[in-house]
């Protein structure tokens, strides 16, 4: 199944909202891990955003799942970049 790199971009203006909704966001991420959709996820240490590696059949499936992220439903993500990724070496290569 294809892998996608999902990059969220955050701004200082949404920091308080993200703090408030982080528990539900992480609960949602945990369910996505259990379902095999999220391979790995974590914030950038500078607070500017996050990277989520996902496994999905296609871009439409990625977009559909991301729409349910609590951060997305309350408009706390400034930008989302989704790129299909083909690892050729390392633990995630096929």
C-alpha atoms as a PDB file:
ATOM      1  CA  UNK A   1       0.000   0.000   0.000  1.00  0.00           C
ATOM      2  CA  UNK A   2       1.347   3.469  -0.821  1.00  0.00           C
ATOM      3  CA  UNK A   3       2.813   5.689   1.892  1.00  0.00           C
ATOM      4  CA  UNK A   4       2.091   9.400   2.157  1.00  0.00           C
ATOM      5  CA  UNK A   5       3.914  12.124   4.060  1.00  0.00           C
ATOM      6  CA  UNK A   6       1.404  14.528   5.558  1.00  0.00           C
ATOM      7  CA  UNK A   7       2.794  17.829   6.779  1.00  0.00           C
ATOM      8  CA  UNK A   8       0.681  20.070   8.981  1.00  0.00           C
ATOM      9  CA  UNK A   9       1.676  23.717   9.357  1.00  0.00           C
ATOM     10  CA  UNK A  10       0.663  25.584  12.510  1.00  0.00           C
ATOM     11  CA  UNK A  11       0.796  29.227  13.558  1.00  0.00           C
ATOM     12  CA  UNK A  12       1.114  30.923  16.915  1.00  0.00           C
ATOM     13  CA  UNK A  13      -2.486  32.109  16.518  1.00  0.00           C
ATOM     14  CA  UNK A  14      -3.792  28.536  16.906  1.00  0.00           C
ATOM     15  CA  UNK A  15      -1.517  27.461  19.774  1.00  0.00           C
ATOM     16  CA  UNK A  16      -4.143  27.830  22.512  1.00  0.00           C
ATOM     17  CA  UNK A  17      -6.724  25.921  20.483  1.00  0.00           C
ATOM     18  CA  UNK A  18      -4.261  23.145  19.747  1.00  0.00           C
ATOM     19  CA  UNK A  19      -3.450  22.873  23.460  1.00  0.00           C
ATOM     20  CA  UNK A  20      -7.174  22.587  24.205  1.00  0.00           C
ATOM     21  CA  UNK A  21      -7.887  19.998  21.506  1.00  0.00           C
ATOM     22  CA  UNK A  22      -4.610  18.024  21.687  1.00  0.00           C
ATOM     23  CA  UNK A  23      -6.078  15.188  23.820  1.00  0.00           C
ATOM     24  CA  UNK A  24      -8.814  14.484  21.254  1.00  0.00           C
ATOM     25  CA  UNK A  25      -6.338  14.905  18.379  1.00  0.00           C
ATOM     26  CA  UNK A  26      -3.994  12.337  19.932  1.00  0.00           C
ATOM     27  CA  UNK A  27      -6.876   9.993  20.689  1.00  0.00           C
ATOM     28  CA  UNK A  28      -7.870  10.228  17.007  1.00  0.00           C
ATOM     29  CA  UNK A  29      -4.250   9.574  15.960  1.00  0.00           C
ATOM     30  CA  UNK A  30      -4.132   6.538  18.265  1.00  0.00           C
ATOM     31  CA  UNK A  31      -7.187   5.056  16.553  1.00  0.00           C
ATOM     32  CA  UNK A  32      -5.565   5.670  13.164  1.00  0.00           C
ATOM     33  CA  UNK A  33      -2.435   3.828  14.343  1.00  0.00           C
ATOM     34  CA  UNK A  34      -4.579   0.892  15.514  1.00  0.00           C
ATOM     35  CA  UNK A  35      -6.317   0.830  12.107  1.00  0.00           C
ATOM     36  CA  UNK A  36      -2.960   0.748  10.301  1.00  0.00           C
ATOM     37  CA  UNK A  37      -3.518   4.125   8.648  1.00  0.00           C
ATOM     38  CA  UNK A  38      -0.933   6.110  10.643  1.00  0.00           C
ATOM     39  CA  UNK A  39       2.556   4.609  10.497  1.00  0.00           C
ATOM     40  CA  UNK A  40       4.186   7.291  12.641  1.00  0.00           C
ATOM     41  CA  UNK A  41       3.389  10.813  13.770  1.00  0.00           C
ATOM     42  CA  UNK A  42       4.879  13.648  15.737  1.00  0.00           C
ATOM     43  CA  UNK A  43       5.262  17.403  15.995  1.00  0.00           C
ATOM     44  CA  UNK A  44       8.225  19.400  14.773  1.00  0.00           C
ATOM     45  CA  UNK A  45      10.250  20.463  17.806  1.00  0.00           C
ATOM     46  CA  UNK A  46      10.058  24.132  16.814  1.00  0.00           C
ATOM     47  CA  UNK A  47       6.239  24.055  17.058  1.00  0.00           C
ATOM     48  CA  UNK A  48       5.751  24.981  13.404  1.00  0.00           C
ATOM     49  CA  UNK A  49       3.813  21.854  12.508  1.00  0.00           C
ATOM     50  CA  UNK A  50       3.842  18.078  12.433  1.00  0.00           C
ATOM     51  CA  UNK A  51       4.616  15.127  10.197  1.00  0.00           C
ATOM     52  CA  UNK A  52       2.265  12.173   9.870  1.00  0.00           C
ATOM     53  CA  UNK A  53       3.284   9.161   7.791  1.00  0.00           C
ATOM     54  CA  UNK A  54       0.230   7.291   6.566  1.00  0.00           C
ATOM     55  CA  UNK A  55      -0.513   4.152   4.597  1.00  0.00           C
ATOM     56  CA  UNK A  56      -3.495   4.443   2.270  1.00  0.00           C
ATOM     57  CA  UNK A  57      -4.740   3.201  -1.074  1.00  0.00           C
ATOM     58  CA  UNK A  58      -4.746   6.672  -2.616  1.00  0.00           C
ATOM     59  CA  UNK A  59      -4.804  10.414  -1.980  1.00  0.00           C
ATOM     60  CA  UNK A  60      -8.596  10.482  -1.692  1.00  0.00           C
ATOM     61  CA  UNK A  61      -8.431   7.994   1.188  1.00  0.00           C
ATOM     62  CA  UNK A  62      -5.829  10.187   2.923  1.00  0.00           C
ATOM     63  CA  UNK A  63      -7.929  13.325   2.512  1.00  0.00           C
ATOM     64  CA  UNK A  64     -11.034  11.560   3.784  1.00  0.00           C
ATOM     65  CA  UNK A  65      -9.360  10.410   6.995  1.00  0.00           C
ATOM     66  CA  UNK A  66      -7.594  13.707   7.644  1.00  0.00           C
ATOM     67  CA  UNK A  67     -10.910  15.551   7.464  1.00  0.00           C
ATOM     68  CA  UNK A  68     -11.916  13.787  10.699  1.00  0.00           C
ATOM     69  CA  UNK A  69      -8.853  14.942  12.667  1.00  0.00           C
ATOM     70  CA  UNK A  70     -10.107  17.084  15.572  1.00  0.00           C
ATOM     71  CA  UNK A  71      -7.483  19.711  14.705  1.00  0.00           C
ATOM     72  CA  UNK A  72      -9.023  19.900  11.215  1.00  0.00           C
ATOM     73  CA  UNK A  73     -12.644  19.950  12.352  1.00  0.00           C
ATOM     74  CA  UNK A  74     -12.021  23.060  14.488  1.00  0.00           C
ATOM     75  CA  UNK A  75      -9.742  24.740  11.904  1.00  0.00           C
ATOM     76  CA  UNK A  76      -6.442  24.630  13.829  1.00  0.00           C
ATOM     77  CA  UNK A  77      -4.224  23.646  10.883  1.00  0.00           C
ATOM     78  CA  UNK A  78      -2.953  26.496   8.715  1.00  0.00           C
ATOM     79  CA  UNK A  79      -1.849  24.306   5.811  1.00  0.00           C
ATOM     80  CA  UNK A  80      -1.708  20.632   4.878  1.00  0.00           C
ATOM     81  CA  UNK A  81       0.712  19.179   2.367  1.00  0.00           C
ATOM     82  CA  UNK A  82       0.226  15.560   1.293  1.00  0.00           C
ATOM     83  CA  UNK A  83       2.924  13.878  -0.796  1.00  0.00           C
ATOM     84  CA  UNK A  84       3.040  10.258  -1.893  1.00  0.00           C
ATOM     85  CA  UNK A  85       6.360   8.851  -0.693  1.00  0.00           C
ATOM     86  CA  UNK A  86       8.370   5.866  -1.924  1.00  0.00           C
ATOM     87  CA  UNK A  87      10.941   4.705   0.648  1.00  0.00           C
ATOM     88  CA  UNK A  88      13.714   2.721  -1.054  1.00  0.00           C
ATOM     89  CA  UNK A  89      15.947   2.003   1.954  1.00  0.00           C
ATOM     90  CA  UNK A  90      15.431   1.445   5.639  1.00  0.00           C
ATOM     91  CA  UNK A  91      12.679   0.062   7.824  1.00  0.00           C
ATOM     92  CA  UNK A  92       9.803   1.337   5.705  1.00  0.00           C
ATOM     93  CA  UNK A  93      11.115   0.278   2.307  1.00  0.00           C
ATOM     94  CA  UNK A  94       9.445  -2.542   0.438  1.00  0.00           C
END
